[in-house]
Structures are given as structure tokens and as C-alpha cells.
Amino acid sequence: MGWMGNWLGNWMGSWFGLGQQQQQQPDAAPYTRYGRVLKRARDKLFADSDARCEISPGAVILSRTATDDYVRMRIPDTYCPPLPQPNSPMDSGVADEAEPNRWQYGGQYVPGSGWLISGAPGSAIDWVRPSYGCYEGNFLTRVTVRPTGSFQYPIYYITDYFGLFVVLDNSIGGVGFGGAVRPSEGTFAVNMLLWHSVTGGRAYNVWVDLNTPVHLFIRRAGGTISVGWSVTNPNAPDANTEIEIAYGVLGPVQLRLAKDFYLPETQPPQPPTSRISAVVTEWRTISGAPSSISVTTPVLDVGQPWRVVVQGLPSAAQLVWRASNDLPLPDYWDNPVGEYRYWQARLRTSSSNVLLERIEFLPDAFPLLLWRRFRSYWQLFETGEGRLTKGPFRTVFGSGNQRRTQDGWIQQSDEERNIGDGWL
């Protein structure tokens, strides 16, 4: 085979010092990584413009750093991690970890349990949203949040609104609470409301106690957007709260959590501590998430038939590949093992808590030859990192029973004879 001659010549050049050029890995070596760039000559990001991987509907490629990206479901689901930087290993494969570019926000992140949304502008998070559009079709999404604040009895307060919004063509619509805070038997409650930036708000005579979890919902069905809430059911809005606010909304939508800060100050002004805040603890997709997402590499041409090992990260995802010596590749993904020139792989997950982070092609190391000198052997392998020699292995030859092992020969007889030096 041609590759045997090439590798033999390169190895001998390295062994006998015949020039550094001989030691370089051939361009046809199949080592290629998608998703992270450690060596620019061979690695590709999923989103590289010249070798972009294909993602399935409902998936999005996000940049983690300038040399690292990953694929996730196009949904906002989160347990409200610290912002903006991760506090977990980058290669965990778990959503909410190591995703510093997933969220955009204004104001400042205040550490704690969940996301604290500002009482006063800039005192905490003013607004936060996914950095990508969410959902391809019909969906129902929910945010769990509790209104909080410190108020003086028995004054009746007018406060700014907090809400879960969907951004429409030239307007926004949402659901939330605020507008009024009133005391009731020594506790305080806030008014629930629905609103649209064009058609106006719609307040309800429904009050929720401070520090009580409230579930806010946005639904799309056939292009119609509706909003609602519940204080008892985390899986659906109460029937008497849901109202349609927009029509003909198709394609991915931009969602956001925000405090509006548009209401004028009360007279006399409220104390700084007497502004309503919101603590968001969870954002979940009730329906509308894709059943699975995948990322598929371009066809990799390794130049000549090679035996290749395909790897994926995380290991919890499903990895399949196909290969052939001719194009186009076969339609079926049957994970072939053998020597092929063209290779392609796909990594898939059905879990919204899994990030697709790596796909790697590397040559399956196998021995090319044995080199014997002075009764010791070195074994030469080809690998994705170049040539690899193992040894020396002490070898003994005699007339007794011999058994080849991974590290050399085992022989019961003490007889030993030198068969000479040279190639085997």
C-alpha cells in the first residue's frame, strides 16, 4: 500500500536523523476535532464558515469562547445559574454550566438563589433574555417567580411592573405583576396584570402575597400568542387568566424577563427599600421542545483509506457515523469499522439538559512493523498525533514453547539464541 511506503520512509528518516521535514505528520492524517480548536491546522468549530456543521431544527450553535462552541436546544429552560460567567467545568456536557454567552442582561447580577430582578434601576438585573430566538412552532413556556419587597404598613403603594414578555414585530406583550401593592392583615400583596405595549394593559382584581411563587405563561398555538398565570398549577395557566394578545407570530420568538420602570414616582416618593422586586427561580418548557437535536459534521476527506475512530462528547449523547471510499456517502449510518477515505459523524440528544460539545475523528493506531536490535524490539504505530514507538521489549528465542504477549514473548525454556539484527 502507498501509505506503508510513506510511513516507512518518514519513520526511517526520523529514526536515522534524515531531516526534520520527514518527521511532519502527513496532511492526509485524519485527526480532526469539531467544536473546539486546540490546533488551528486541524480543528474546526461547529460554526466555522468554511466547514460549518449542520444542526437539526430546534438546535442552535452558541459560542463559549473564540475557540470553543457547542450545540443546545433552542429553548430557554434554566434553573437560573450565576451570570454572566460559569462556575462549573467547561466540558461537563450539562446545560446551565459553562454557557457564558447564552444570556444577555442589563443591570447587575446579584449572587443568590435564583435571579434577582431590580427593585430600582441598576440595583440588580433590569432585564435578562436568551441570546437566541426560542421555539420553532407551537409552545407553552413558564417562568416561576416570587414578588418580594419591604413595605411599610398601612400605606398603599404604586410600583413598577415585572413581567415575562414576548417581543413582537413592533411591540411587546406579556404577563406579570405590579402596579399596586396593598397591605392585608399585616401582609402585603401585589396586583396581577396582562398587557400589550400597543393595545394596553388589562389589570385583574387578583392579589398575590409577597414571597409567594407565581407561574407566568406564554403560549403560541397556530401563530396566536396568549399569556396567563397560575399560583397553583406549574403546568398550565388558569383558564380565567389566559388572554390572546397577538396573531400571525411565526418562527423563533425572542423572550425576555424585565422590569419596566416606567411608572412615575409616588407622592411622597417611596423609600428605596419599598420597591417591588422579583426572584426568578426557574424557566421551563411545558410543551414545544424538539424531541431531539443533532449536529452533523461535513464529510471529512482523509485523502486515502484510513482506519478511523470516531468519538463524541458528552458520552451520554448518541454518536453515529458513516464512511465510504466513494461519494456520495451511503444513506444509512451503520458505524462502519475499516479503512475508508470519506467519513461523516452525527451527535444527537433528546435531553434539554445535555450540551453537544465535541466530535472527533482520529486514526485507529495499529502496528506498521517491528524493529529488532540487540535482542530487543520496538513496535511502530501510526496515530493521530504522528508516529508512536513502543518498546524496547526484551525477546528470547529458543526451542521451547513460545507465546506472544502484548509486551513481548514468554518462553519456558532457558535456551537462548541470537537470530541477528534487522527488519522482521
Protein backbone atom coordinates (compact mmCIF):
# COMPACT_ATOMS: atom_id res chain seq x y z
CA MET A 1 0.00 0.00 0.00
CA GLY A 2 1.13 3.57 -0.65
CA TRP A 3 0.63 4.62 2.93
CA MET A 4 3.01 1.86 4.09
CA GLY A 5 5.81 3.24 1.97
CA ASN A 6 5.12 6.80 3.08
CA TRP A 7 5.04 5.92 6.74
CA LEU A 8 8.07 3.65 6.47
CA GLY A 9 10.08 6.36 4.76
CA ASN A 10 9.03 9.01 7.28
CA TRP A 11 9.75 6.75 10.23
CA MET A 12 13.18 5.73 8.96
CA GLY A 13 14.00 9.38 8.34
CA SER A 14 13.11 10.19 11.92
CA TRP A 15 14.93 7.12 13.32
CA PHE A 16 18.18 7.76 11.46
CA GLY A 17 18.01 11.56 11.62
CA LEU A 18 17.49 12.17 7.91
CA GLY A 19 15.85 15.60 8.31
CA GLN A 20 13.10 17.29 10.30
CA GLN A 21 10.82 17.56 7.27
CA GLN A 22 10.45 13.80 7.28
CA GLN A 23 9.01 13.92 10.81
CA GLN A 24 5.95 16.00 9.98
CA GLN A 25 2.55 14.35 10.05
CA PRO A 26 1.17 13.92 6.51
CA ASP A 27 -1.67 16.23 5.52
CA ALA A 28 -3.87 13.22 4.89
CA ALA A 29 -3.83 12.16 8.56
CA PRO A 30 -7.49 12.02 9.61
CA TYR A 31 -7.24 13.67 13.02
CA THR A 32 -9.96 16.36 13.08
CA ARG A 33 -11.90 17.83 16.00
CA TYR A 34 -15.18 19.77 15.68
CA GLY A 35 -16.41 22.00 18.49
CA ARG A 36 -13.09 23.15 19.95
CA VAL A 37 -9.89 24.47 18.40
CA LEU A 38 -6.65 23.39 20.06
CA LYS A 39 -4.58 23.20 16.88
CA ARG A 40 -5.82 25.53 14.16
CA ALA A 41 -4.34 23.45 11.36
CA ARG A 42 -6.64 20.52 12.07
CA ASP A 43 -9.50 21.61 14.36
CA LYS A 44 -12.81 23.22 13.41
CA LEU A 45 -15.56 24.92 15.36
CA PHE A 46 -19.10 23.72 14.75
CA ALA A 47 -19.79 27.19 13.35
CA ASP A 48 -16.71 27.59 11.14
CA SER A 49 -17.76 29.41 8.00
CA ASP A 50 -15.61 27.23 5.73
CA ALA A 51 -16.55 23.91 7.32
CA ARG A 52 -19.77 24.56 9.20
CA CYS A 53 -21.52 21.62 10.77
CA GLU A 54 -25.23 21.10 10.09
CA ILE A 55 -27.63 21.33 13.02
CA SER A 56 -31.17 19.99 13.19
CA PRO A 57 -34.29 22.17 13.56
CA GLY A 58 -34.75 23.32 17.13
CA ALA A 59 -30.98 23.48 17.76
CA VAL A 60 -28.66 26.47 17.99
CA ILE A 61 -24.85 26.81 17.90
CA LEU A 62 -23.51 29.04 20.66
CA SER A 63 -20.01 30.39 21.17
CA ARG A 64 -18.43 29.64 24.53
CA THR A 65 -15.08 31.24 23.72
CA ALA A 66 -13.42 32.34 20.48
CA THR A 67 -12.10 28.79 20.03
CA ASP A 68 -14.90 26.73 21.56
CA ASP A 69 -18.59 26.32 20.75
CA TYR A 70 -21.39 23.84 21.36
CA VAL A 71 -24.95 22.95 20.29
CA ARG A 72 -28.05 23.09 22.51
CA MET A 73 -31.84 23.02 22.20
CA ARG A 74 -33.40 26.30 21.11
CA ILE A 75 -35.36 26.71 24.35
CA PRO A 76 -34.89 28.99 27.39
CA ASP A 77 -35.03 26.27 30.07
CA THR A 78 -32.86 27.08 33.08
CA TYR A 79 -32.56 26.93 36.84
CA CYS A 80 -31.21 30.48 36.77
CA PRO A 81 -27.43 29.97 37.01
CA PRO A 82 -24.97 32.67 38.06
CA LEU A 83 -24.47 35.36 35.40
CA PRO A 84 -22.56 36.06 33.27
CA GLN A 85 -19.75 33.58 33.90
CA PRO A 86 -19.92 29.81 34.53
CA ASN A 87 -18.84 28.21 37.78
CA SER A 88 -18.52 24.65 36.51
CA PRO A 89 -16.14 22.74 34.18
CA MET A 90 -16.47 23.69 30.53
CA ASP A 91 -16.71 20.11 29.33
CA SER A 92 -19.41 18.95 31.72
CA GLY A 93 -21.92 18.42 28.90
CA VAL A 94 -24.65 19.76 31.22
CA ALA A 95 -26.90 22.72 30.42
CA ASP A 96 -26.63 25.76 32.73
CA GLU A 97 -22.91 25.07 33.15
CA ALA A 98 -20.19 26.89 31.21
CA GLU A 99 -22.56 28.89 29.00
CA PRO A 100 -21.32 32.47 29.47
CA ASN A 101 -22.71 33.72 26.14
CA ARG A 102 -26.13 32.15 26.45
CA TRP A 103 -27.77 35.03 28.32
CA GLN A 104 -27.85 38.76 27.75
CA TYR A 105 -28.90 41.08 30.55
CA GLY A 106 -28.92 44.65 31.79
CA GLY A 107 -28.22 45.98 35.26
CA GLN A 108 -26.03 43.83 37.50
CA TYR A 109 -26.10 40.23 38.63
CA VAL A 110 -26.58 39.90 42.39
CA PRO A 111 -25.45 36.48 43.67
CA GLY A 112 -28.05 34.43 45.45
CA SER A 113 -30.67 31.77 44.93
CA GLY A 114 -32.18 32.49 41.50
CA TRP A 115 -32.13 35.74 39.52
CA LEU A 116 -32.94 38.90 41.45
CA ILE A 117 -34.77 41.38 39.19
CA SER A 118 -34.25 45.01 40.23
CA GLY A 119 -36.48 46.93 42.57
CA ALA A 120 -34.78 50.14 41.44
CA PRO A 121 -32.98 50.56 38.08
CA GLY A 122 -29.47 49.09 38.18
CA SER A 123 -29.78 47.67 41.69
CA ALA A 124 -29.95 44.10 40.30
CA ILE A 125 -30.89 42.59 36.91
CA ASP A 126 -33.10 45.02 34.98
CA TRP A 127 -33.80 42.54 32.20
CA VAL A 128 -32.49 39.16 31.01
CA ARG A 129 -33.13 37.13 27.85
CA PRO A 130 -31.70 34.22 25.89
CA SER A 131 -29.21 35.37 23.26
CA TYR A 132 -31.16 33.46 20.59
CA GLY A 133 -34.73 33.13 19.41
CA CYS A 134 -36.66 30.26 21.00
CA TYR A 135 -39.06 27.63 19.63
CA GLU A 136 -39.84 26.78 16.02
CA GLY A 137 -43.58 26.12 16.32
CA ASN A 138 -46.30 25.85 18.94
CA PHE A 139 -45.12 26.04 22.54
CA LEU A 140 -46.07 26.71 26.15
CA THR A 141 -43.33 28.14 28.35
CA ARG A 142 -43.41 29.01 32.03
CA VAL A 143 -41.40 31.14 34.44
CA THR A 144 -41.63 30.62 38.20
CA VAL A 145 -41.06 33.83 40.13
CA ARG A 146 -41.96 35.30 43.50
CA PRO A 147 -42.63 39.01 44.11
CA THR A 148 -40.67 40.37 47.03
CA GLY A 149 -40.00 43.66 48.76
CA SER A 150 -40.18 45.54 52.03
CA PHE A 151 -43.11 47.88 52.59
CA GLN A 152 -44.44 49.93 55.45
CA TYR A 153 -47.94 49.27 56.78
CA PRO A 154 -50.55 50.65 56.10
CA ILE A 155 -49.52 52.76 53.09
CA TYR A 156 -50.91 51.73 49.66
CA TYR A 157 -48.08 51.74 47.06
CA ILE A 158 -47.98 52.13 43.29
CA THR A 159 -44.98 50.23 41.84
CA ASP A 160 -43.35 49.38 38.53
CA TYR A 161 -44.26 46.19 36.71
CA PHE A 162 -42.28 42.97 36.35
CA GLY A 163 -43.18 40.55 33.58
CA LEU A 164 -42.44 37.75 31.14
CA PHE A 165 -42.52 39.26 27.64
CA VAL A 166 -42.51 38.15 24.03
CA VAL A 167 -41.03 40.59 21.50
CA LEU A 168 -43.36 41.07 18.54
CA ASP A 169 -42.80 42.96 15.27
CA ASN A 170 -43.22 46.49 16.60
CA SER A 171 -44.45 45.83 20.11
CA ILE A 172 -44.20 43.57 23.11
CA GLY A 173 -46.74 41.58 25.08
CA GLY A 174 -46.52 39.90 28.43
CA VAL A 175 -47.85 38.89 31.80
CA GLY A 176 -46.68 39.84 35.26
CA PHE A 177 -47.44 41.72 38.43
CA GLY A 178 -47.08 45.17 39.91
CA GLY A 179 -48.92 48.44 39.57
CA ALA A 180 -50.18 48.27 43.12
CA VAL A 181 -49.10 46.90 46.47
CA ARG A 182 -51.58 46.88 49.38
CA PRO A 183 -51.48 45.61 52.95
CA SER A 184 -53.88 42.94 54.11
CA GLU A 185 -53.95 41.78 57.72
CA GLY A 186 -50.29 42.60 58.25
CA THR A 187 -49.07 41.10 54.93
CA PHE A 188 -48.65 42.66 51.51
CA ALA A 189 -49.98 41.56 48.13
CA VAL A 190 -49.37 42.65 44.52
CA ASN A 191 -51.80 43.03 41.67
CA MET A 192 -51.61 40.66 38.65
CA LEU A 193 -51.97 42.03 35.14
CA LEU A 194 -51.64 41.26 31.42
CA TRP A 195 -50.61 43.86 28.91
CA HIS A 196 -49.63 44.71 25.37
CA SER A 197 -47.49 47.72 24.53
CA VAL A 198 -49.90 48.81 21.76
CA THR A 199 -53.37 47.72 22.85
CA GLY A 200 -52.75 48.48 26.51
CA GLY A 201 -52.83 46.60 29.80
CA ARG A 202 -55.58 44.64 31.43
CA ALA A 203 -55.45 44.54 35.22
CA TYR A 204 -57.19 41.91 37.28
CA ASN A 205 -58.52 42.21 40.80
CA VAL A 206 -56.32 39.31 41.84
CA TRP A 207 -53.75 39.69 44.58
CA VAL A 208 -50.74 37.54 45.32
CA ASP A 209 -48.96 37.63 48.65
CA LEU A 210 -45.34 38.73 48.65
CA ASN A 211 -42.84 35.82 48.58
CA THR A 212 -45.48 33.51 47.08
CA PRO A 213 -44.35 31.68 43.89
CA VAL A 214 -46.28 32.70 40.78
CA HIS A 215 -46.18 30.84 37.45
CA LEU A 216 -46.21 33.10 34.37
CA PHE A 217 -47.01 31.56 30.95
CA ILE A 218 -46.69 32.41 27.26
CA ARG A 219 -48.34 30.15 24.71
CA ARG A 220 -48.29 30.01 20.90
CA ALA A 221 -50.87 27.95 19.02
CA GLY A 222 -51.04 28.29 15.24
CA GLY A 223 -49.36 31.70 15.32
CA THR A 224 -51.61 33.09 18.07
CA ILE A 225 -49.82 34.32 21.22
CA SER A 226 -51.62 34.22 24.56
CA VAL A 227 -50.44 34.87 28.11
CA GLY A 228 -51.69 33.86 31.57
CA TRP A 229 -50.69 32.85 35.09
CA SER A 230 -51.36 30.50 37.96
CA VAL A 231 -50.39 30.35 41.62
CA THR A 232 -51.30 26.66 41.94
CA ASN A 233 -50.53 24.89 38.65
CA PRO A 234 -46.96 24.92 37.23
CA ASN A 235 -48.06 23.16 34.04
CA ALA A 236 -50.79 25.44 32.65
CA PRO A 237 -52.27 28.89 33.23
CA ASP A 238 -55.60 29.19 34.98
CA ALA A 239 -58.39 29.26 32.41
CA ASN A 240 -59.81 32.57 33.62
CA THR A 241 -56.44 34.34 33.29
CA GLU A 242 -55.34 33.43 29.75
CA ILE A 243 -55.89 36.02 27.05
CA GLU A 244 -54.81 36.30 23.38
CA ILE A 245 -52.56 39.29 22.68
CA ALA A 246 -51.11 38.78 19.15
CA TYR A 247 -51.74 36.88 15.91
CA GLY A 248 -49.68 35.64 12.97
CA VAL A 249 -46.47 35.27 15.00
CA LEU A 250 -44.37 32.61 13.24
CA GLY A 251 -40.80 31.35 13.52
CA PRO A 252 -38.45 31.66 16.52
CA VAL A 253 -39.54 34.25 19.09
CA GLN A 254 -37.45 36.44 21.37
CA LEU A 255 -38.45 36.12 25.03
CA ARG A 256 -37.33 38.25 27.96
CA LEU A 257 -37.86 38.92 31.65
CA ALA A 258 -37.91 42.60 32.54
CA LYS A 259 -38.85 45.35 34.95
CA ASP A 260 -40.25 48.33 33.08
CA PHE A 261 -39.53 51.25 35.48
CA TYR A 262 -42.00 53.41 33.53
CA LEU A 263 -44.41 54.39 36.26
CA PRO A 264 -43.85 57.84 37.81
CA GLU A 265 -42.75 58.20 41.40
CA THR A 266 -45.46 58.23 44.01
CA GLN A 267 -46.01 61.35 46.12
CA PRO A 268 -44.35 61.29 48.51
CA PRO A 269 -41.69 59.12 46.84
CA GLN A 270 -41.34 55.55 48.01
CA PRO A 271 -38.39 54.66 50.23
CA PRO A 272 -35.67 52.86 48.20
CA THR A 273 -36.45 49.65 50.07
CA SER A 274 -40.15 49.91 49.24
CA ARG A 275 -39.91 48.89 45.60
CA ILE A 276 -41.16 45.57 44.39
CA SER A 277 -38.51 43.11 43.21
CA ALA A 278 -38.79 39.65 41.66
CA VAL A 279 -36.79 36.49 42.28
CA VAL A 280 -36.87 34.13 39.28
CA THR A 281 -36.08 30.53 40.19
CA GLU A 282 -36.95 28.51 37.08
CA TRP A 283 -37.79 28.79 33.38
CA ARG A 284 -39.28 25.69 31.82
CA THR A 285 -40.78 24.43 28.55
CA ILE A 286 -44.10 22.71 29.19
CA SER A 287 -44.54 21.81 25.51
CA GLY A 288 -42.83 22.71 22.24
CA ALA A 289 -39.28 21.49 22.84
CA PRO A 290 -37.91 19.36 19.97
CA SER A 291 -37.98 15.60 20.54
CA SER A 292 -34.23 15.61 19.80
CA ILE A 293 -31.47 17.75 18.34
CA SER A 294 -28.31 16.78 16.47
CA VAL A 295 -25.13 18.20 14.98
CA THR A 296 -23.65 16.62 11.83
CA THR A 297 -20.11 17.15 10.60
CA PRO A 298 -19.20 17.89 6.99
CA VAL A 299 -17.84 14.94 5.04
CA LEU A 300 -14.20 14.52 6.05
CA ASP A 301 -11.82 13.55 3.23
CA VAL A 302 -8.74 11.95 4.80
CA GLY A 303 -7.01 11.67 1.40
CA GLN A 304 -6.71 7.90 1.28
CA PRO A 305 -8.27 4.90 3.01
CA TRP A 306 -7.66 5.09 6.77
CA ARG A 307 -8.96 3.19 9.75
CA VAL A 308 -10.62 5.89 11.86
CA VAL A 309 -12.02 6.04 15.39
CA VAL A 310 -14.96 8.42 15.91
CA GLN A 311 -15.59 9.95 19.36
CA GLY A 312 -18.26 12.29 20.76
CA LEU A 313 -18.68 14.41 23.86
CA PRO A 314 -20.63 14.11 26.02
CA SER A 315 -20.68 10.34 26.23
CA ALA A 316 -24.38 10.49 27.19
CA ALA A 317 -25.25 11.60 23.66
CA GLN A 318 -25.85 9.19 20.77
CA LEU A 319 -22.99 9.05 18.24
CA VAL A 320 -23.32 7.52 14.77
CA TRP A 321 -21.13 7.70 11.69
CA ARG A 322 -20.87 6.51 8.11
CA ALA A 323 -17.95 6.06 5.73
CA SER A 324 -17.10 5.08 2.17
CA ASN A 325 -14.32 5.20 -0.39
CA ASP A 326 -16.65 6.94 -2.83
CA LEU A 327 -19.05 9.88 -2.82
CA PRO A 328 -21.87 10.31 -2.12
CA LEU A 329 -21.84 8.51 1.19
CA PRO A 330 -24.48 5.83 1.77
CA ASP A 331 -27.82 6.94 3.22
CA TYR A 332 -27.53 4.69 6.26
CA TRP A 333 -25.48 5.38 9.40
CA ASP A 334 -24.11 1.95 10.33
CA ASN A 335 -20.93 2.82 12.27
CA PRO A 336 -18.53 1.02 9.91
CA VAL A 337 -15.10 -0.14 11.08
CA GLY A 338 -12.45 -0.36 8.40
CA GLU A 339 -10.32 1.70 6.05
CA TYR A 340 -12.26 4.41 4.21
CA ARG A 341 -11.41 7.72 2.62
CA TYR A 342 -14.62 9.68 3.41
CA TRP A 343 -16.09 9.89 6.92
CA GLN A 344 -19.03 11.73 8.48
CA ALA A 345 -20.44 11.69 12.04
CA ARG A 346 -23.56 12.86 13.89
CA LEU A 347 -24.06 13.53 17.61
CA ARG A 348 -27.62 13.53 18.96
CA THR A 349 -29.50 14.05 22.22
CA SER A 350 -33.13 14.01 23.31
CA SER A 351 -32.45 15.74 26.63
CA SER A 352 -32.75 19.50 27.10
CA ASN A 353 -30.15 19.22 29.86
CA VAL A 354 -27.38 17.99 27.55
CA LEU A 355 -24.98 20.13 25.51
CA LEU A 356 -23.37 18.69 22.37
CA GLU A 357 -19.72 19.68 22.69
CA ARG A 358 -17.28 17.59 20.60
CA ILE A 359 -16.96 15.28 17.62
CA GLU A 360 -13.51 13.88 16.88
CA PHE A 361 -12.03 11.75 14.11
CA LEU A 362 -8.71 10.10 14.93
CA PRO A 363 -6.79 7.27 13.32
CA ASP A 364 -7.04 3.87 14.93
CA ALA A 365 -3.45 3.19 15.99
CA PHE A 366 -2.21 -0.11 14.59
CA PRO A 367 1.31 -1.52 14.22
CA LEU A 368 3.19 -0.96 11.00
CA LEU A 369 6.30 -3.03 11.70
CA LEU A 370 8.70 -4.42 14.32
CA TRP A 371 12.29 -3.27 14.58
CA ARG A 372 14.71 -5.67 16.35
CA ARG A 373 18.15 -4.74 17.58
CA PHE A 374 20.28 -6.42 20.24
CA ARG A 375 17.56 -8.88 21.25
CA SER A 376 15.04 -6.06 21.91
CA TYR A 377 12.10 -4.99 19.84
CA TRP A 378 10.43 -1.63 19.18
CA GLN A 379 6.95 -1.56 17.68
CA LEU A 380 5.90 1.28 15.38
CA PHE A 381 2.29 2.58 15.39
CA GLU A 382 0.59 5.25 13.38
CA THR A 383 -1.66 7.59 15.40
CA GLY A 384 -3.40 10.91 15.01
CA GLU A 385 -0.53 12.57 16.84
CA GLY A 386 2.11 11.17 14.47
CA ARG A 387 4.34 8.12 14.76
CA LEU A 388 4.47 6.23 18.03
CA THR A 389 7.09 3.66 19.04
CA LYS A 390 6.62 1.23 21.91
CA GLY A 391 9.49 -0.61 23.46
CA PRO A 392 12.06 -1.87 23.86
CA PHE A 393 10.59 -5.30 24.52
CA ARG A 394 13.10 -7.97 25.65
CA THR A 395 12.71 -11.04 23.47
CA VAL A 396 14.08 -14.54 23.86
CA PHE A 397 14.04 -17.18 21.14
CA GLY A 398 14.63 -20.88 21.76
CA SER A 399 13.34 -24.35 21.11
CA GLY A 400 10.76 -24.35 23.91
CA ASN A 401 7.11 -23.26 23.76
CA GLN A 402 6.72 -19.56 22.98
CA ARG A 403 3.71 -17.30 23.42
CA ARG A 404 3.39 -13.76 22.09
CA THR A 405 2.08 -11.23 24.61
CA GLN A 406 1.35 -7.54 24.43
CA ASP A 407 4.78 -6.71 25.79
CA GLY A 408 6.92 -9.35 24.09
CA TRP A 409 7.42 -13.14 24.18
CA ILE A 410 7.02 -15.64 27.01
CA GLN A 411 9.09 -18.82 26.86
CA GLN A 412 9.54 -21.60 29.42
CA SER A 413 12.92 -22.82 28.10
CA ASP A 414 16.15 -21.21 29.27
CA GLU A 415 17.71 -21.82 25.87
CA GLU A 416 18.53 -18.59 24.06
CA ARG A 417 19.93 -17.95 20.64
CA ASN A 418 20.52 -14.75 18.69
CA ILE A 419 18.79 -14.71 15.34
CA GLY A 420 20.52 -11.50 14.26
CA ASP A 421 19.50 -7.89 13.86
CA GLY A 422 17.36 -6.43 11.12
CA TRP A 423 13.80 -5.97 9.87
CA LEU A 424 11.16 -8.55 10.58
